[in-house]
């Protein structure tokens, strides 16, 4: 019935084939026009759209991540922060990526002496990954240790290390030493109070507090702290050496010699050995055992050529032995070599008084 012959069936066989397909076509048409089919088609469309959106989330997240890095490099820190948040919201796995990026930027800012910005970056890093607090604390601790001869800088870094890890007793211990160097005694006392709450038997801290009291001339308090340190562990050799010196200062030379001999049996540290031999020689000098004193004090100077106190004591030994040429050489070393020990100042003063009296 088509108007144009080319659109009509070309043979009866074609007409028969079309008639045979009519029942199936009718069923399909009914199905397509049914409500169930339309609903199903709508659901499939929604799922398809959701699938497309879901599959594109990582791409969008990476876009915001890169935009955040770009904004950061342009010093648009608030914009960068917002972009990073969007990236993480779209892909939670980017948490660690953003945190590590901010950690790296914080370290870079620190090396460029942008300390405030460095700390902001570190805080941002922690907000994305709280576990980084320990890494940041360790970073500040290392910086404090690196500047241990610059107590003001060291103190600032140790305080920041504690900020990120308030239970780091070693950072507190080093902070106390920095405060002691800065003569901030209030800081020293408060810091040791915290340390002993965290670690009541930490021998390094008892030794440090003893050294603090020692420097203040509060020898009884110093002795008590040294003894606590020694009782805490066999490793407290610095406390043994400090207590031996204190015993000699207080005139208890027998106790000083006993401590020095005990310490020498337990340490291979040349600095400690030099200190202990010095105290043993000091004790023997006071006991008038001059030959022994000379031997021990010479060992001390061989182990540590800058032991001013040993040279001062040797000058006394050689003078008592009548070896005046040796005594003069040791007197020169006693006077000229650097020392901050109060007993060295006293011995120097005694030497000068004797020279002036002559």
C-alpha atoms as a PDB file:
ATOM      1  CA  UNK A   1       0.000   0.000   0.000  1.00  0.00           C
ATOM      2  CA  UNK A   2       3.024   2.324   0.086  1.00  0.00           C
ATOM      3  CA  UNK A   3       2.715   5.128  -2.501  1.00  0.00           C
ATOM      4  CA  UNK A   4       6.074   4.302  -3.998  1.00  0.00           C
ATOM      5  CA  UNK A   5       6.730   0.838  -5.444  1.00  0.00           C
ATOM      6  CA  UNK A   6      10.218   0.682  -3.970  1.00  0.00           C
ATOM      7  CA  UNK A   7       8.731   0.852  -0.453  1.00  0.00           C
ATOM      8  CA  UNK A   8       6.324  -2.088  -1.055  1.00  0.00           C
ATOM      9  CA  UNK A   9       7.192  -5.759  -0.410  1.00  0.00           C
ATOM     10  CA  UNK A  10       8.902  -7.131  -3.462  1.00  0.00           C
ATOM     11  CA  UNK A  11       7.315 -10.577  -3.294  1.00  0.00           C
ATOM     12  CA  UNK A  12       4.704 -12.643  -1.494  1.00  0.00           C
ATOM     13  CA  UNK A  13       7.500 -14.392   0.380  1.00  0.00           C
ATOM     14  CA  UNK A  14       8.486 -11.065   2.032  1.00  0.00           C
ATOM     15  CA  UNK A  15       4.842 -10.450   2.957  1.00  0.00           C
ATOM     16  CA  UNK A  16       4.611 -13.897   4.608  1.00  0.00           C
ATOM     17  CA  UNK A  17       7.844 -13.237   6.624  1.00  0.00           C
ATOM     18  CA  UNK A  18       6.505  -9.890   7.883  1.00  0.00           C
ATOM     19  CA  UNK A  19       3.211 -11.453   8.885  1.00  0.00           C
ATOM     20  CA  UNK A  20       5.082 -14.139  10.864  1.00  0.00           C
ATOM     21  CA  UNK A  21       6.962 -11.420  12.859  1.00  0.00           C
ATOM     22  CA  UNK A  22       3.837  -9.410  13.701  1.00  0.00           C
ATOM     23  CA  UNK A  23       2.916 -11.308  16.941  1.00  0.00           C
ATOM     24  CA  UNK A  24       6.433 -10.752  18.419  1.00  0.00           C
ATOM     25  CA  UNK A  25       6.481  -7.105  17.395  1.00  0.00           C
ATOM     26  CA  UNK A  26       3.096  -6.599  19.004  1.00  0.00           C
ATOM     27  CA  UNK A  27       4.324  -8.075  22.317  1.00  0.00           C
ATOM     28  CA  UNK A  28       7.440  -5.899  22.254  1.00  0.00           C
ATOM     29  CA  UNK A  29       5.354  -2.800  21.566  1.00  0.00           C
ATOM     30  CA  UNK A  30       3.060  -3.574  24.501  1.00  0.00           C
ATOM     31  CA  UNK A  31       6.058  -4.130  26.785  1.00  0.00           C
ATOM     32  CA  UNK A  32       7.717  -0.863  25.754  1.00  0.00           C
ATOM     33  CA  UNK A  33       4.533   1.093  26.384  1.00  0.00           C
ATOM     34  CA  UNK A  34       3.923  -0.536  29.800  1.00  0.00           C
ATOM     35  CA  UNK A  35       4.482   1.380  33.108  1.00  0.00           C
ATOM     36  CA  UNK A  36       6.781  -1.352  34.445  1.00  0.00           C
ATOM     37  CA  UNK A  37       9.134  -0.963  31.519  1.00  0.00           C
ATOM     38  CA  UNK A  38       9.185   2.810  31.834  1.00  0.00           C
ATOM     39  CA  UNK A  39       9.968   2.592  35.584  1.00  0.00           C
ATOM     40  CA  UNK A  40      12.679   0.009  34.972  1.00  0.00           C
ATOM     41  CA  UNK A  41      14.180   2.141  32.249  1.00  0.00           C
ATOM     42  CA  UNK A  42      14.196   5.145  34.607  1.00  0.00           C
ATOM     43  CA  UNK A  43      15.923   3.155  37.360  1.00  0.00           C
ATOM     44  CA  UNK A  44      18.542   1.889  34.944  1.00  0.00           C
ATOM     45  CA  UNK A  45      19.134   5.471  33.834  1.00  0.00           C
ATOM     46  CA  UNK A  46      19.613   6.638  37.385  1.00  0.00           C
ATOM     47  CA  UNK A  47      22.038   3.801  38.143  1.00  0.00           C
ATOM     48  CA  UNK A  48      23.924   4.592  34.993  1.00  0.00           C
ATOM     49  CA  UNK A  49      24.165   8.275  35.944  1.00  0.00           C
ATOM     50  CA  UNK A  50      25.291   7.393  39.478  1.00  0.00           C
ATOM     51  CA  UNK A  51      27.892   5.044  38.042  1.00  0.00           C
ATOM     52  CA  UNK A  52      29.223   7.768  35.805  1.00  0.00           C
ATOM     53  CA  UNK A  53      29.382  10.236  38.708  1.00  0.00           C
ATOM     54  CA  UNK A  54      30.993   7.684  41.050  1.00  0.00           C
ATOM     55  CA  UNK A  55      33.615   6.733  38.515  1.00  0.00           C
ATOM     56  CA  UNK A  56      34.484  10.397  38.043  1.00  0.00           C
ATOM     57  CA  UNK A  57      34.955  11.155  41.787  1.00  0.00           C
ATOM     58  CA  UNK A  58      38.685  10.259  41.876  1.00  0.00           C
ATOM     59  CA  UNK A  59      39.287  12.586  38.948  1.00  0.00           C
ATOM     60  CA  UNK A  60      37.450  15.444  40.645  1.00  0.00           C
ATOM     61  CA  UNK A  61      39.259  14.740  43.928  1.00  0.00           C
ATOM     62  CA  UNK A  62      42.631  14.858  42.199  1.00  0.00           C
ATOM     63  CA  UNK A  63      41.597  18.094  40.554  1.00  0.00           C
ATOM     64  CA  UNK A  64      40.941  19.711  43.940  1.00  0.00           C
ATOM     65  CA  UNK A  65      44.180  18.229  45.283  1.00  0.00           C
ATOM     66  CA  UNK A  66      46.193  19.830  42.502  1.00  0.00           C
ATOM     67  CA  UNK A  67      44.278  23.078  42.859  1.00  0.00           C
ATOM     68  CA  UNK A  68      45.107  23.060  46.566  1.00  0.00           C
ATOM     69  CA  UNK A  69      48.815  22.594  45.857  1.00  0.00           C
ATOM     70  CA  UNK A  70      48.678  25.369  43.266  1.00  0.00           C
ATOM     71  CA  UNK A  71      46.957  27.728  45.711  1.00  0.00           C
ATOM     72  CA  UNK A  72      49.507  26.863  48.384  1.00  0.00           C
ATOM     73  CA  UNK A  73      52.425  27.728  46.109  1.00  0.00           C
ATOM     74  CA  UNK A  74      50.731  31.071  45.459  1.00  0.00           C
ATOM     75  CA  UNK A  75      50.515  31.670  49.233  1.00  0.00           C
ATOM     76  CA  UNK A  76      46.720  31.409  49.127  1.00  0.00           C
ATOM     77  CA  UNK A  77      46.721  29.235  52.230  1.00  0.00           C
ATOM     78  CA  UNK A  78      43.022  29.468  53.111  1.00  0.00           C
ATOM     79  CA  UNK A  79      42.021  28.632  49.554  1.00  0.00           C
ATOM     80  CA  UNK A  80      44.456  25.724  49.556  1.00  0.00           C
ATOM     81  CA  UNK A  81      42.973  24.471  52.822  1.00  0.00           C
ATOM     82  CA  UNK A  82      39.457  24.469  51.358  1.00  0.00           C
ATOM     83  CA  UNK A  83      40.587  22.680  48.202  1.00  0.00           C
ATOM     84  CA  UNK A  84      42.357  20.022  50.247  1.00  0.00           C
ATOM     85  CA  UNK A  85      39.205  19.478  52.314  1.00  0.00           C
ATOM     86  CA  UNK A  86      37.118  19.026  49.160  1.00  0.00           C
ATOM     87  CA  UNK A  87      39.649  16.562  47.778  1.00  0.00           C
ATOM     88  CA  UNK A  88      39.534  14.462  50.941  1.00  0.00           C
ATOM     89  CA  UNK A  89      35.730  14.593  51.093  1.00  0.00           C
ATOM     90  CA  UNK A  90      35.601  13.168  47.572  1.00  0.00           C
ATOM     91  CA  UNK A  91      38.372  10.622  48.189  1.00  0.00           C
ATOM     92  CA  UNK A  92      39.247   9.785  51.787  1.00  0.00           C
ATOM     93  CA  UNK A  93      42.421   8.018  50.667  1.00  0.00           C
ATOM     94  CA  UNK A  94      43.910  11.420  49.882  1.00  0.00           C
ATOM     95  CA  UNK A  95      44.091  12.144  53.636  1.00  0.00           C
ATOM     96  CA  UNK A  96      47.647  10.861  53.906  1.00  0.00           C
ATOM     97  CA  UNK A  97      48.688  12.493  50.623  1.00  0.00           C
ATOM     98  CA  UNK A  98      47.565  15.934  51.807  1.00  0.00           C
ATOM     99  CA  UNK A  99      49.066  15.385  55.279  1.00  0.00           C
ATOM    100  CA  UNK A 100      52.450  14.345  53.866  1.00  0.00           C
ATOM    101  CA  UNK A 101      52.430  17.325  51.496  1.00  0.00           C
ATOM    102  CA  UNK A 102      51.809  19.755  54.367  1.00  0.00           C
ATOM    103  CA  UNK A 103      54.449  18.013  56.492  1.00  0.00           C
ATOM    104  CA  UNK A 104      57.015  18.485  53.720  1.00  0.00           C
ATOM    105  CA  UNK A 105      56.026  22.127  53.254  1.00  0.00           C
ATOM    106  CA  UNK A 106      56.302  22.659  57.018  1.00  0.00           C
ATOM    107  CA  UNK A 107      59.865  21.352  57.071  1.00  0.00           C
ATOM    108  CA  UNK A 108      60.706  23.517  54.066  1.00  0.00           C
ATOM    109  CA  UNK A 109      59.262  26.612  55.763  1.00  0.00           C
ATOM    110  CA  UNK A 110      61.308  25.827  58.885  1.00  0.00           C
ATOM    111  CA  UNK A 111      64.566  25.653  56.920  1.00  0.00           C
ATOM    112  CA  UNK A 112      63.661  29.039  55.398  1.00  0.00           C
ATOM    113  CA  UNK A 113      63.236  30.383  58.953  1.00  0.00           C
ATOM    114  CA  UNK A 114      59.487  30.881  58.466  1.00  0.00           C
ATOM    115  CA  UNK A 115      58.809  29.351  61.845  1.00  0.00           C
ATOM    116  CA  UNK A 116      55.210  30.509  62.296  1.00  0.00           C
ATOM    117  CA  UNK A 117      54.232  29.230  58.847  1.00  0.00           C
ATOM    118  CA  UNK A 118      56.042  25.963  59.515  1.00  0.00           C
ATOM    119  CA  UNK A 119      53.974  25.374  62.639  1.00  0.00           C
ATOM    120  CA  UNK A 120      50.739  26.196  60.758  1.00  0.00           C
ATOM    121  CA  UNK A 121      51.666  23.638  58.120  1.00  0.00           C
ATOM    122  CA  UNK A 122      52.416  21.047  60.775  1.00  0.00           C
ATOM    123  CA  UNK A 123      49.066  21.696  62.441  1.00  0.00           C
ATOM    124  CA  UNK A 124      47.379  21.314  59.067  1.00  0.00           C
ATOM    125  CA  UNK A 125      49.209  18.033  58.489  1.00  0.00           C
ATOM    126  CA  UNK A 126      47.996  16.719  61.852  1.00  0.00           C
ATOM    127  CA  UNK A 127      44.406  17.727  61.046  1.00  0.00           C
ATOM    128  CA  UNK A 128      44.513  15.342  58.070  1.00  0.00           C
ATOM    129  CA  UNK A 129      46.578  12.618  59.782  1.00  0.00           C
ATOM    130  CA  UNK A 130      46.850  12.716  63.569  1.00  0.00           C
ATOM    131  CA  UNK A 131      49.584  10.062  63.605  1.00  0.00           C
ATOM    132  CA  UNK A 132      52.031  12.642  62.242  1.00  0.00           C
ATOM    133  CA  UNK A 133      52.226  14.285  65.688  1.00  0.00           C
ATOM    134  CA  UNK A 134      55.089  11.956  66.612  1.00  0.00           C
ATOM    135  CA  UNK A 135      57.011  12.709  63.405  1.00  0.00           C
ATOM    136  CA  UNK A 136      56.619  16.447  63.947  1.00  0.00           C
ATOM    137  CA  UNK A 137      57.652  16.138  67.594  1.00  0.00           C
ATOM    138  CA  UNK A 138      60.763  14.195  66.553  1.00  0.00           C
ATOM    139  CA  UNK A 139      61.569  16.857  63.952  1.00  0.00           C
ATOM    140  CA  UNK A 140      61.467  19.637  66.544  1.00  0.00           C
ATOM    141  CA  UNK A 141      63.447  17.518  69.018  1.00  0.00           C
ATOM    142  CA  UNK A 142      66.212  17.018  66.448  1.00  0.00           C
ATOM    143  CA  UNK A 143      66.310  20.762  65.795  1.00  0.00           C
ATOM    144  CA  UNK A 144      66.582  21.431  69.528  1.00  0.00           C
ATOM    145  CA  UNK A 145      69.424  18.934  69.881  1.00  0.00           C
ATOM    146  CA  UNK A 146      71.180  20.464  66.859  1.00  0.00           C
ATOM    147  CA  UNK A 147      71.101  23.863  68.596  1.00  0.00           C
ATOM    148  CA  UNK A 148      72.058  22.602  72.060  1.00  0.00           C
ATOM    149  CA  UNK A 149      74.791  25.267  72.255  1.00  0.00           C
ATOM    150  CA  UNK A 150      72.181  27.940  71.560  1.00  0.00           C
ATOM    151  CA  UNK A 151      69.865  27.433  74.548  1.00  0.00           C
ATOM    152  CA  UNK A 152      67.229  29.964  73.491  1.00  0.00           C
ATOM    153  CA  UNK A 153      66.682  28.258  70.128  1.00  0.00           C
ATOM    154  CA  UNK A 154      66.949  24.814  71.720  1.00  0.00           C
ATOM    155  CA  UNK A 155      64.325  25.707  74.312  1.00  0.00           C
ATOM    156  CA  UNK A 156      61.859  26.896  71.677  1.00  0.00           C
ATOM    157  CA  UNK A 157      62.253  23.681  69.701  1.00  0.00           C
ATOM    158  CA  UNK A 158      61.934  21.414  72.739  1.00  0.00           C
ATOM    159  CA  UNK A 159      58.758  23.243  73.758  1.00  0.00           C
ATOM    160  CA  UNK A 160      57.332  22.649  70.268  1.00  0.00           C
ATOM    161  CA  UNK A 161      58.370  18.988  70.431  1.00  0.00           C
ATOM    162  CA  UNK A 162      56.448  18.690  73.704  1.00  0.00           C
ATOM    163  CA  UNK A 163      53.460  20.482  72.173  1.00  0.00           C
ATOM    164  CA  UNK A 164      53.089  17.654  69.644  1.00  0.00           C
ATOM    165  CA  UNK A 165      54.023  14.902  72.104  1.00  0.00           C
ATOM    166  CA  UNK A 166      53.322  15.924  75.718  1.00  0.00           C
ATOM    167  CA  UNK A 167      54.578  12.570  77.031  1.00  0.00           C
ATOM    168  CA  UNK A 168      58.104  12.815  75.622  1.00  0.00           C
ATOM    169  CA  UNK A 169      60.131  12.752  78.843  1.00  0.00           C
ATOM    170  CA  UNK A 170      63.421  13.074  76.926  1.00  0.00           C
ATOM    171  CA  UNK A 171      62.257  16.357  75.387  1.00  0.00           C
ATOM    172  CA  UNK A 172      61.330  17.585  78.874  1.00  0.00           C
ATOM    173  CA  UNK A 173      64.750  16.545  80.148  1.00  0.00           C
ATOM    174  CA  UNK A 174      66.532  18.505  77.419  1.00  0.00           C
ATOM    175  CA  UNK A 175      64.193  21.442  77.966  1.00  0.00           C
ATOM    176  CA  UNK A 176      65.224  21.532  81.619  1.00  0.00           C
ATOM    177  CA  UNK A 177      68.900  21.680  80.592  1.00  0.00           C
ATOM    178  CA  UNK A 178      68.195  24.536  78.142  1.00  0.00           C
ATOM    179  CA  UNK A 179      66.295  26.445  80.840  1.00  0.00           C
ATOM    180  CA  UNK A 180      69.192  25.881  83.215  1.00  0.00           C
ATOM    181  CA  UNK A 181      71.589  27.366  80.647  1.00  0.00           C
ATOM    182  CA  UNK A 182      69.254  30.365  80.348  1.00  0.00           C
ATOM    183  CA  UNK A 183      69.119  30.736  84.159  1.00  0.00           C
ATOM    184  CA  UNK A 184      65.339  30.358  84.057  1.00  0.00           C
ATOM    185  CA  UNK A 185      65.084  28.462  87.303  1.00  0.00           C
ATOM    186  CA  UNK A 186      61.296  28.588  87.424  1.00  0.00           C
ATOM    187  CA  UNK A 187      61.246  26.729  84.108  1.00  0.00           C
ATOM    188  CA  UNK A 188      63.791  24.237  85.431  1.00  0.00           C
ATOM    189  CA  UNK A 189      61.746  23.375  88.522  1.00  0.00           C
ATOM    190  CA  UNK A 190      58.430  23.117  86.659  1.00  0.00           C
ATOM    191  CA  UNK A 191      59.949  20.936  83.954  1.00  0.00           C
ATOM    192  CA  UNK A 192      61.456  18.479  86.426  1.00  0.00           C
ATOM    193  CA  UNK A 193      58.129  18.269  88.251  1.00  0.00           C
ATOM    194  CA  UNK A 194      56.484  17.130  85.006  1.00  0.00           C
ATOM    195  CA  UNK A 195      59.312  14.691  84.230  1.00  0.00           C
ATOM    196  CA  UNK A 196      59.034  12.938  87.567  1.00  0.00           C
ATOM    197  CA  UNK A 197      55.281  12.563  87.069  1.00  0.00           C
ATOM    198  CA  UNK A 198      55.932  10.912  83.715  1.00  0.00           C
ATOM    199  CA  UNK A 199      59.011   8.902  84.723  1.00  0.00           C
ATOM    200  CA  UNK A 200      59.679   8.892  88.487  1.00  0.00           C
ATOM    201  CA  UNK A 201      62.841   6.779  88.113  1.00  0.00           C
ATOM    202  CA  UNK A 202      64.412   8.424  85.059  1.00  0.00           C
ATOM    203  CA  UNK A 203      68.054   8.587  86.165  1.00  0.00           C
ATOM    204  CA  UNK A 204      69.045  11.203  83.576  1.00  0.00           C
ATOM    205  CA  UNK A 205      66.559  13.615  85.069  1.00  0.00           C
ATOM    206  CA  UNK A 206      67.649  12.999  88.650  1.00  0.00           C
ATOM    207  CA  UNK A 207      71.226  13.546  87.507  1.00  0.00           C
ATOM    208  CA  UNK A 208      70.202  16.733  85.676  1.00  0.00           C
ATOM    209  CA  UNK A 209      68.374  18.101  88.704  1.00  0.00           C
ATOM    210  CA  UNK A 210      71.362  17.190  90.872  1.00  0.00           C
ATOM    211  CA  UNK A 211      73.641  19.101  88.508  1.00  0.00           C
ATOM    212  CA  UNK A 212      71.269  22.061  88.736  1.00  0.00           C
ATOM    213  CA  UNK A 213      71.389  22.040  92.544  1.00  0.00           C
ATOM    214  CA  UNK A 214      75.168  21.525  92.399  1.00  0.00           C
ATOM    215  CA  UNK A 215      75.545  24.663  90.306  1.00  0.00           C
ATOM    216  CA  UNK A 216      73.421  26.582  92.831  1.00  0.00           C
ATOM    217  CA  UNK A 217      75.658  25.478  95.684  1.00  0.00           C
ATOM    218  CA  UNK A 218      72.862  23.393  97.240  1.00  0.00           C
ATOM    219  CA  UNK A 219      75.111  20.375  97.688  1.00  0.00           C
ATOM    220  CA  UNK A 220      72.871  18.356 100.003  1.00  0.00           C
ATOM    221  CA  UNK A 221      70.014  18.499  97.499  1.00  0.00           C
ATOM    222  CA  UNK A 222      72.429  17.680  94.671  1.00  0.00           C
ATOM    223  CA  UNK A 223      73.818  14.692  96.556  1.00  0.00           C
ATOM    224  CA  UNK A 224      70.310  13.364  97.147  1.00  0.00           C
ATOM    225  CA  UNK A 225      69.456  13.506  93.426  1.00  0.00           C
ATOM    226  CA  UNK A 226      72.756  11.885  92.410  1.00  0.00           C
ATOM    227  CA  UNK A 227      72.120   9.040  94.849  1.00  0.00           C
ATOM    228  CA  UNK A 228      68.599   8.487  93.488  1.00  0.00           C
ATOM    229  CA  UNK A 229      70.016   8.316  89.963  1.00  0.00           C
ATOM    230  CA  UNK A 230      72.664   5.775  91.009  1.00  0.00           C
ATOM    231  CA  UNK A 231      70.112   3.603  92.795  1.00  0.00           C
ATOM    232  CA  UNK A 232      67.852   3.657  89.716  1.00  0.00           C
ATOM    233  CA  UNK A 233      70.313   1.947  87.364  1.00  0.00           C
ATOM    234  CA  UNK A 234      73.891   0.807  86.852  1.00  0.00           C
ATOM    235  CA  UNK A 235      74.002   3.052  83.774  1.00  0.00           C
ATOM    236  CA  UNK A 236      74.100   6.282  85.799  1.00  0.00           C
ATOM    237  CA  UNK A 237      77.874   6.695  85.498  1.00  0.00           C
ATOM    238  CA  UNK A 238      77.674  10.458  85.062  1.00  0.00           C
ATOM    239  CA  UNK A 239      75.899  10.622  88.403  1.00  0.00           C
ATOM    240  CA  UNK A 240      78.647   8.466  89.947  1.00  0.00           C
ATOM    241  CA  UNK A 241      81.321  10.858  88.667  1.00  0.00           C
ATOM    242  CA  UNK A 242      79.342  13.894  89.824  1.00  0.00           C
ATOM    243  CA  UNK A 243      78.817  12.430  93.289  1.00  0.00           C
ATOM    244  CA  UNK A 244      82.512  11.513  93.589  1.00  0.00           C
ATOM    245  CA  UNK A 245      83.428  15.125  92.820  1.00  0.00           C
ATOM    246  CA  UNK A 246      80.856  16.370  95.347  1.00  0.00           C
ATOM    247  CA  UNK A 247      82.207  14.051  98.034  1.00  0.00           C
ATOM    248  CA  UNK A 248      85.701  15.461  97.497  1.00  0.00           C
ATOM    249  CA  UNK A 249      84.331  19.016  97.691  1.00  0.00           C
ATOM    250  CA  UNK A 250      82.656  18.168 101.005  1.00  0.00           C
ATOM    251  CA  UNK A 251      85.858  16.575 102.362  1.00  0.00           C
ATOM    252  CA  UNK A 252      84.616  12.972 102.317  1.00  0.00           C
ATOM    253  CA  UNK A 253      87.628  11.718 100.361  1.00  0.00           C
ATOM    254  CA  UNK A 254      87.256   8.054 101.259  1.00  0.00           C
ATOM    255  CA  UNK A 255      83.721   7.973  99.837  1.00  0.00           C
ATOM    256  CA  UNK A 256      84.953   9.839  96.750  1.00  0.00           C
ATOM    257  CA  UNK A 257      87.692   7.262  96.135  1.00  0.00           C
ATOM    258  CA  UNK A 258      85.252   4.375  96.588  1.00  0.00           C
ATOM    259  CA  UNK A 259      82.831   5.871  94.074  1.00  0.00           C
ATOM    260  CA  UNK A 260      85.604   6.607  91.573  1.00  0.00           C
ATOM    261  CA  UNK A 261      86.973   3.045  91.729  1.00  0.00           C
ATOM    262  CA  UNK A 262      83.456   1.634  91.332  1.00  0.00           C
ATOM    263  CA  UNK A 263      82.787   3.836  88.330  1.00  0.00           C
ATOM    264  CA  UNK A 264      86.090   2.954  86.633  1.00  0.00           C
ATOM    265  CA  UNK A 265      85.117  -0.723  86.740  1.00  0.00           C
ATOM    266  CA  UNK A 266      81.868  -0.054  84.861  1.00  0.00           C
ATOM    267  CA  UNK A 267      82.629   2.453  82.105  1.00  0.00           C
ATOM    268  CA  UNK A 268      84.718   2.655  78.940  1.00  0.00           C
ATOM    269  CA  UNK A 269      83.758   6.261  78.283  1.00  0.00           C
ATOM    270  CA  UNK A 270      87.008   8.288  78.104  1.00  0.00           C
ATOM    271  CA  UNK A 271      85.355  11.461  79.391  1.00  0.00           C
ATOM    272  CA  UNK A 272      83.959   9.654  82.397  1.00  0.00           C
ATOM    273  CA  UNK A 273      87.204   7.797  83.017  1.00  0.00           C
ATOM    274  CA  UNK A 274      89.104  11.091  83.006  1.00  0.00           C
ATOM    275  CA  UNK A 275      86.673  12.558  85.525  1.00  0.00           C
ATOM    276  CA  UNK A 276      86.840   9.510  87.782  1.00  0.00           C
ATOM    277  CA  UNK A 277      90.658   9.327  87.693  1.00  0.00           C
ATOM    278  CA  UNK A 278      90.721  13.024  88.555  1.00  0.00           C
ATOM    279  CA  UNK A 279      88.506  12.428  91.603  1.00  0.00           C
ATOM    280  CA  UNK A 280      90.528   9.408  92.639  1.00  0.00           C
ATOM    281  CA  UNK A 281      93.727  11.477  92.358  1.00  0.00           C
ATOM    282  CA  UNK A 282      92.087  14.313  94.289  1.00  0.00           C
ATOM    283  CA  UNK A 283      91.104  11.938  97.091  1.00  0.00           C
ATOM    284  CA  UNK A 284      94.606  10.417  97.258  1.00  0.00           C
ATOM    285  CA  UNK A 285      96.174  13.904  97.361  1.00  0.00           C
ATOM    286  CA  UNK A 286      94.005  14.832 100.331  1.00  0.00           C
ATOM    287  CA  UNK A 287      95.002  11.546 101.989  1.00  0.00           C
ATOM    288  CA  UNK A 288      98.653  12.522 101.346  1.00  0.00           C
ATOM    289  CA  UNK A 289      99.185   9.527  99.052  1.00  0.00           C
ATOM    290  CA  UNK A 290     101.117  11.652  96.594  1.00  0.00           C
ATOM    291  CA  UNK A 291     102.547   8.981  94.291  1.00  0.00           C
ATOM    292  CA  UNK A 292      99.118   7.450  93.757  1.00  0.00           C
ATOM    293  CA  UNK A 293      97.607  10.877  93.315  1.00  0.00           C
ATOM    294  CA  UNK A 294     100.191  11.764  90.646  1.00  0.00           C
ATOM    295  CA  UNK A 295      99.541   8.522  88.757  1.00  0.00           C
ATOM    296  CA  UNK A 296      95.776   8.930  88.691  1.00  0.00           C
ATOM    297  CA  UNK A 297      95.841  12.618  87.797  1.00  0.00           C
ATOM    298  CA  UNK A 298      98.269  12.017  84.917  1.00  0.00           C
ATOM    299  CA  UNK A 299      95.890   9.332  83.606  1.00  0.00           C
ATOM    300  CA  UNK A 300      93.090  11.881  83.764  1.00  0.00           C
ATOM    301  CA  UNK A 301      95.012  14.411  81.661  1.00  0.00           C
ATOM    302  CA  UNK A 302      96.021  11.770  79.115  1.00  0.00           C
ATOM    303  CA  UNK A 303      92.381  10.763  78.663  1.00  0.00           C
ATOM    304  CA  UNK A 304      91.216  14.382  78.504  1.00  0.00           C
ATOM    305  CA  UNK A 305      93.832  17.051  77.797  1.00  0.00           C
ATOM    306  CA  UNK A 306      91.372  19.797  78.785  1.00  0.00           C
ATOM    307  CA  UNK A 307      90.812  18.676  82.378  1.00  0.00           C
ATOM    308  CA  UNK A 308      91.789  21.948  84.024  1.00  0.00           C
ATOM    309  CA  UNK A 309      90.933  20.647  87.485  1.00  0.00           C
ATOM    310  CA  UNK A 310      93.397  17.752  87.058  1.00  0.00           C
ATOM    311  CA  UNK A 311      96.190  20.187  86.109  1.00  0.00           C
ATOM    312  CA  UNK A 312      95.459  22.289  89.190  1.00  0.00           C
ATOM    313  CA  UNK A 313      95.638  19.219  91.403  1.00  0.00           C
ATOM    314  CA  UNK A 314      98.818  17.995  89.703  1.00  0.00           C
ATOM    315  CA  UNK A 315     100.490  21.333  90.418  1.00  0.00           C
ATOM    316  CA  UNK A 316      99.766  20.750  94.110  1.00  0.00           C
ATOM    317  CA  UNK A 317     101.060  17.163  93.966  1.00  0.00           C
ATOM    318  CA  UNK A 318     104.315  18.117  92.180  1.00  0.00           C
ATOM    319  CA  UNK A 319     104.937  20.980  94.562  1.00  0.00           C
ATOM    320  CA  UNK A 320     104.474  18.634  97.525  1.00  0.00           C
ATOM    321  CA  UNK A 321     106.902  16.184  95.890  1.00  0.00           C
ATOM    322  CA  UNK A 322     109.446  18.983  95.369  1.00  0.00           C
ATOM    323  CA  UNK A 323     109.147  18.796  91.551  1.00  0.00           C
ATOM    324  CA  UNK A 324     108.916  22.556  91.076  1.00  0.00           C
ATOM    325  CA  UNK A 325     109.573  22.635  87.330  1.00  0.00           C
ATOM    326  CA  UNK A 326     106.687  20.239  86.746  1.00  0.00           C
ATOM    327  CA  UNK A 327     104.606  22.186  89.235  1.00  0.00           C
ATOM    328  CA  UNK A 328     105.152  25.439  87.282  1.00  0.00           C
ATOM    329  CA  UNK A 329     104.032  23.800  84.029  1.00  0.00           C
ATOM    330  CA  UNK A 330     100.883  22.503  85.677  1.00  0.00           C
ATOM    331  CA  UNK A 331     100.241  25.879  87.302  1.00  0.00           C
ATOM    332  CA  UNK A 332     100.313  27.490  83.854  1.00  0.00           C
ATOM    333  CA  UNK A 333      97.807  24.923  82.584  1.00  0.00           C
ATOM    334  CA  UNK A 334      95.633  25.426  85.656  1.00  0.00           C
ATOM    335  CA  UNK A 335      95.483  29.185  85.147  1.00  0.00           C
ATOM    336  CA  UNK A 336      95.279  29.356  81.354  1.00  0.00           C
ATOM    337  CA  UNK A 337      93.019  26.429  80.489  1.00  0.00           C
ATOM    338  CA  UNK A 338      89.289  27.184  80.304  1.00  0.00           C
ATOM    339  CA  UNK A 339      87.096  26.028  83.190  1.00  0.00           C
ATOM    340  CA  UNK A 340      83.832  26.999  84.897  1.00  0.00           C
ATOM    341  CA  UNK A 341      84.244  24.774  87.962  1.00  0.00           C
ATOM    342  CA  UNK A 342      84.082  26.653  91.283  1.00  0.00           C
ATOM    343  CA  UNK A 343      86.881  24.548  92.792  1.00  0.00           C
ATOM    344  CA  UNK A 344      89.183  25.571  89.924  1.00  0.00           C
ATOM    345  CA  UNK A 345      88.467  29.235  90.667  1.00  0.00           C
ATOM    346  CA  UNK A 346      89.288  28.564  94.304  1.00  0.00           C
ATOM    347  CA  UNK A 347      92.573  26.799  93.475  1.00  0.00           C
ATOM    348  CA  UNK A 348      93.562  29.596  91.110  1.00  0.00           C
ATOM    349  CA  UNK A 349      92.856  32.150  93.795  1.00  0.00           C
ATOM    350  CA  UNK A 350      94.958  30.179  96.276  1.00  0.00           C
ATOM    351  CA  UNK A 351      97.836  30.089  93.777  1.00  0.00           C
ATOM    352  CA  UNK A 352      97.615  33.830  93.187  1.00  0.00           C
ATOM    353  CA  UNK A 353      97.456  34.552  96.923  1.00  0.00           C
ATOM    354  CA  UNK A 354     100.594  32.493  97.488  1.00  0.00           C
ATOM    355  CA  UNK A 355     102.405  34.205  94.633  1.00  0.00           C
ATOM    356  CA  UNK A 356     101.440  37.634  95.894  1.00  0.00           C
ATOM    357  CA  UNK A 357     102.405  36.741  99.476  1.00  0.00           C
ATOM    358  CA  UNK A 358     105.870  35.830  98.246  1.00  0.00           C
END
